[in-house]
Amino acid sequence: MNIIQQIVNKKLNGITAAELMKLSKDYQITITVEQAQQVTALIKGQNINIYNSAERLELIKKIAKVTSPSTAQQVNMLLQKLL
């Protein structure tokens, strides 16, 4: 994993609900504050590597459970833009 990937993963794994809300607005992804809090709670402490397809898919499945499948799909599109 190169340095850029490490930086992106570190940022993702430490993202706050407020930062996620800002990103969602920047990329036109509709989530509520409550959903952002639930998603960040899922991510914190997991040390997820978004460059690993299996880990990213597992994260998207968890996000779909706390938000909705369409929101999870949008988040997946956002993650793919960051790749």
N, C-alpha and C. Protein backbone atom coordinates (compact mmCIF):
# COMPACT_ATOMS: atom_id res chain seq x y z
N MET A 1 0.86 -1.17 0.00
CA MET A 1 0.00 0.00 0.00
C MET A 1 0.91 1.24 0.00
N ASN A 2 0.62 2.16 -0.93
CA ASN A 2 1.46 3.36 -0.99
C ASN A 2 1.00 4.41 0.02
N ILE A 3 1.75 5.48 0.11
CA ILE A 3 1.51 6.51 1.11
C ILE A 3 0.15 7.19 0.94
N ILE A 4 -0.27 7.41 -0.30
CA ILE A 4 -1.57 8.05 -0.56
C ILE A 4 -2.70 7.15 -0.05
N GLN A 5 -2.60 5.86 -0.31
CA GLN A 5 -3.61 4.92 0.17
C GLN A 5 -3.66 4.91 1.69
N GLN A 6 -2.50 4.97 2.32
CA GLN A 6 -2.45 5.00 3.78
C GLN A 6 -3.12 6.25 4.33
N ILE A 7 -2.89 7.38 3.68
CA ILE A 7 -3.49 8.64 4.12
C ILE A 7 -5.01 8.58 3.97
N VAL A 8 -5.49 8.10 2.83
CA VAL A 8 -6.93 8.01 2.59
C VAL A 8 -7.57 7.06 3.60
N ASN A 9 -6.96 5.92 3.84
CA ASN A 9 -7.50 4.96 4.81
C ASN A 9 -7.51 5.54 6.22
N LYS A 10 -6.44 6.24 6.59
CA LYS A 10 -6.38 6.85 7.93
C LYS A 10 -7.49 7.88 8.08
N LYS A 11 -7.69 8.70 7.06
CA LYS A 11 -8.76 9.71 7.11
C LYS A 11 -10.13 9.05 7.22
N LEU A 12 -10.35 8.02 6.41
CA LEU A 12 -11.64 7.32 6.45
C LEU A 12 -11.89 6.71 7.82
N ASN A 13 -10.89 6.06 8.38
CA ASN A 13 -11.06 5.37 9.66
C ASN A 13 -11.22 6.31 10.84
N GLY A 14 -10.90 7.59 10.65
CA GLY A 14 -11.05 8.56 11.72
C GLY A 14 -12.09 9.63 11.42
N ILE A 15 -12.91 9.40 10.41
CA ILE A 15 -13.88 10.42 9.98
C ILE A 15 -14.94 10.66 11.07
N THR A 16 -15.32 11.91 11.21
CA THR A 16 -16.38 12.27 12.16
C THR A 16 -17.71 12.39 11.41
N ALA A 17 -18.78 12.41 12.16
CA ALA A 17 -20.11 12.56 11.55
C ALA A 17 -20.20 13.89 10.80
N ALA A 18 -19.63 14.95 11.36
CA ALA A 18 -19.66 16.26 10.70
C ALA A 18 -18.90 16.23 9.39
N GLU A 19 -17.73 15.58 9.37
CA GLU A 19 -16.96 15.47 8.13
C GLU A 19 -17.72 14.63 7.09
N LEU A 20 -18.36 13.58 7.55
CA LEU A 20 -19.14 12.75 6.63
C LEU A 20 -20.32 13.53 6.06
N MET A 21 -20.96 14.35 6.88
CA MET A 21 -22.06 15.18 6.39
C MET A 21 -21.56 16.16 5.34
N LYS A 22 -20.38 16.76 5.56
CA LYS A 22 -19.83 17.68 4.57
C LYS A 22 -19.52 16.96 3.27
N LEU A 23 -18.91 15.79 3.35
CA LEU A 23 -18.63 15.00 2.15
C LEU A 23 -19.91 14.62 1.42
N SER A 24 -20.93 14.25 2.19
CA SER A 24 -22.19 13.84 1.56
C SER A 24 -22.81 15.01 0.80
N LYS A 25 -22.70 16.21 1.35
CA LYS A 25 -23.22 17.39 0.64
C LYS A 25 -22.38 17.69 -0.60
N ASP A 26 -21.05 17.56 -0.46
CA ASP A 26 -20.16 17.83 -1.59
C ASP A 26 -20.42 16.89 -2.77
N TYR A 27 -20.80 15.65 -2.45
CA TYR A 27 -21.01 14.63 -3.50
C TYR A 27 -22.48 14.28 -3.70
N GLN A 28 -23.38 15.15 -3.20
CA GLN A 28 -24.82 14.98 -3.36
C GLN A 28 -25.32 13.60 -2.91
N ILE A 29 -24.87 13.16 -1.73
CA ILE A 29 -25.34 11.92 -1.14
C ILE A 29 -26.24 12.31 0.03
N THR A 30 -27.47 11.85 0.02
CA THR A 30 -28.43 12.24 1.03
C THR A 30 -28.37 11.28 2.22
N ILE A 31 -27.88 11.80 3.35
CA ILE A 31 -27.91 11.05 4.60
C ILE A 31 -28.30 12.02 5.72
N THR A 32 -28.88 11.48 6.77
CA THR A 32 -29.25 12.30 7.91
C THR A 32 -28.08 12.35 8.88
N VAL A 33 -28.17 13.25 9.83
CA VAL A 33 -27.14 13.35 10.86
C VAL A 33 -27.07 12.03 11.64
N GLU A 34 -28.23 11.47 11.94
CA GLU A 34 -28.28 10.19 12.66
C GLU A 34 -27.59 9.08 11.87
N GLN A 35 -27.84 9.02 10.56
CA GLN A 35 -27.19 8.02 9.72
C GLN A 35 -25.68 8.24 9.68
N ALA A 36 -25.26 9.50 9.60
CA ALA A 36 -23.82 9.81 9.60
C ALA A 36 -23.18 9.34 10.90
N GLN A 37 -23.87 9.54 12.01
CA GLN A 37 -23.35 9.09 13.29
C GLN A 37 -23.26 7.57 13.34
N GLN A 38 -24.26 6.89 12.79
CA GLN A 38 -24.25 5.43 12.78
C GLN A 38 -23.13 4.90 11.89
N VAL A 39 -22.94 5.52 10.74
CA VAL A 39 -21.89 5.09 9.82
C VAL A 39 -20.51 5.31 10.45
N THR A 40 -20.29 6.47 11.05
CA THR A 40 -18.98 6.72 11.66
C THR A 40 -18.74 5.79 12.84
N ALA A 41 -19.79 5.43 13.56
CA ALA A 41 -19.64 4.47 14.66
C ALA A 41 -19.22 3.10 14.12
N LEU A 42 -19.73 2.73 12.94
CA LEU A 42 -19.34 1.47 12.31
C LEU A 42 -17.87 1.48 11.91
N ILE A 43 -17.42 2.61 11.41
CA ILE A 43 -16.08 2.71 10.86
C ILE A 43 -15.01 2.80 11.94
N LYS A 44 -15.30 3.55 13.01
CA LYS A 44 -14.28 3.80 14.03
C LYS A 44 -13.77 2.50 14.63
N GLY A 45 -12.45 2.42 14.70
CA GLY A 45 -11.80 1.27 15.32
C GLY A 45 -11.73 0.03 14.45
N GLN A 46 -12.25 0.10 13.24
CA GLN A 46 -12.27 -1.06 12.36
C GLN A 46 -11.00 -1.18 11.52
N ASN A 47 -10.28 -0.08 11.29
CA ASN A 47 -9.09 -0.07 10.45
C ASN A 47 -9.38 -0.67 9.07
N ILE A 48 -10.40 -0.14 8.42
CA ILE A 48 -10.85 -0.63 7.12
C ILE A 48 -9.94 -0.13 6.01
N ASN A 49 -9.58 -1.02 5.12
CA ASN A 49 -8.78 -0.69 3.94
C ASN A 49 -9.74 -0.61 2.76
N ILE A 50 -10.07 0.61 2.32
CA ILE A 50 -11.05 0.73 1.23
C ILE A 50 -10.49 0.27 -0.10
N TYR A 51 -9.19 0.03 -0.16
CA TYR A 51 -8.59 -0.47 -1.39
C TYR A 51 -8.70 -1.99 -1.49
N ASN A 52 -9.17 -2.62 -0.42
CA ASN A 52 -9.41 -4.05 -0.41
C ASN A 52 -10.90 -4.26 -0.70
N SER A 53 -11.21 -4.88 -1.83
CA SER A 53 -12.60 -5.04 -2.27
C SER A 53 -13.46 -5.74 -1.24
N ALA A 54 -12.95 -6.78 -0.61
CA ALA A 54 -13.73 -7.54 0.37
C ALA A 54 -14.06 -6.68 1.59
N GLU A 55 -13.08 -5.93 2.08
CA GLU A 55 -13.33 -5.06 3.23
C GLU A 55 -14.31 -3.95 2.89
N ARG A 56 -14.16 -3.37 1.69
CA ARG A 56 -15.07 -2.31 1.26
C ARG A 56 -16.49 -2.84 1.13
N LEU A 57 -16.65 -4.04 0.55
CA LEU A 57 -17.97 -4.64 0.39
C LEU A 57 -18.62 -4.91 1.74
N GLU A 58 -17.85 -5.41 2.69
CA GLU A 58 -18.38 -5.68 4.04
C GLU A 58 -18.84 -4.38 4.69
N LEU A 59 -18.07 -3.30 4.53
CA LEU A 59 -18.45 -2.00 5.06
C LEU A 59 -19.75 -1.52 4.42
N ILE A 60 -19.87 -1.66 3.12
CA ILE A 60 -21.07 -1.21 2.41
C ILE A 60 -22.30 -1.99 2.90
N LYS A 61 -22.14 -3.29 3.14
CA LYS A 61 -23.25 -4.09 3.67
C LYS A 61 -23.69 -3.59 5.04
N LYS A 62 -22.72 -3.25 5.88
CA LYS A 62 -23.05 -2.73 7.21
C LYS A 62 -23.74 -1.37 7.10
N ILE A 63 -23.27 -0.54 6.19
CA ILE A 63 -23.89 0.77 5.98
C ILE A 63 -25.32 0.62 5.51
N ALA A 64 -25.57 -0.35 4.63
CA ALA A 64 -26.93 -0.59 4.13
C ALA A 64 -27.87 -0.98 5.26
N LYS A 65 -27.36 -1.68 6.25
CA LYS A 65 -28.20 -2.09 7.38
C LYS A 65 -28.61 -0.91 8.25
N VAL A 66 -27.73 0.10 8.42
CA VAL A 66 -28.05 1.23 9.29
C VAL A 66 -28.65 2.41 8.53
N THR A 67 -28.51 2.43 7.22
CA THR A 67 -29.10 3.53 6.44
C THR A 67 -30.12 2.91 5.50
N SER A 68 -29.76 2.76 4.26
CA SER A 68 -30.62 2.11 3.26
C SER A 68 -29.71 1.58 2.16
N PRO A 69 -30.20 0.62 1.38
CA PRO A 69 -29.37 0.12 0.27
C PRO A 69 -28.98 1.22 -0.72
N SER A 70 -29.88 2.14 -0.98
CA SER A 70 -29.54 3.20 -1.94
C SER A 70 -28.47 4.14 -1.38
N THR A 71 -28.54 4.45 -0.09
CA THR A 71 -27.50 5.28 0.52
C THR A 71 -26.17 4.54 0.52
N ALA A 72 -26.20 3.26 0.83
CA ALA A 72 -24.97 2.46 0.81
C ALA A 72 -24.36 2.44 -0.59
N GLN A 73 -25.20 2.36 -1.59
CA GLN A 73 -24.72 2.37 -2.97
C GLN A 73 -24.07 3.72 -3.29
N GLN A 74 -24.66 4.80 -2.82
CA GLN A 74 -24.09 6.12 -3.04
C GLN A 74 -22.76 6.27 -2.31
N VAL A 75 -22.68 5.75 -1.09
CA VAL A 75 -21.43 5.79 -0.34
C VAL A 75 -20.36 4.98 -1.06
N ASN A 76 -20.74 3.86 -1.63
CA ASN A 76 -19.81 3.04 -2.40
C ASN A 76 -19.28 3.82 -3.60
N MET A 77 -20.16 4.55 -4.26
CA MET A 77 -19.73 5.37 -5.39
C MET A 77 -18.74 6.44 -4.92
N LEU A 78 -19.00 7.04 -3.77
CA LEU A 78 -18.09 8.04 -3.21
C LEU A 78 -16.73 7.40 -2.91
N LEU A 79 -16.73 6.24 -2.28
CA LEU A 79 -15.47 5.56 -1.98
C LEU A 79 -14.70 5.24 -3.25
N GLN A 80 -15.42 4.86 -4.29
CA GLN A 80 -14.74 4.53 -5.54
C GLN A 80 -14.11 5.78 -6.16
N LYS A 81 -14.73 6.94 -5.95
CA LYS A 81 -14.14 8.18 -6.44
C LYS A 81 -12.84 8.49 -5.71
N LEU A 82 -12.77 8.07 -4.44
CA LEU A 82 -11.57 8.33 -3.65
C LEU A 82 -10.44 7.36 -3.96
N LEU A 83 -10.78 6.27 -4.64
CA LEU A 83 -9.75 5.28 -4.97
C LEU A 83 -8.84 5.80 -6.01
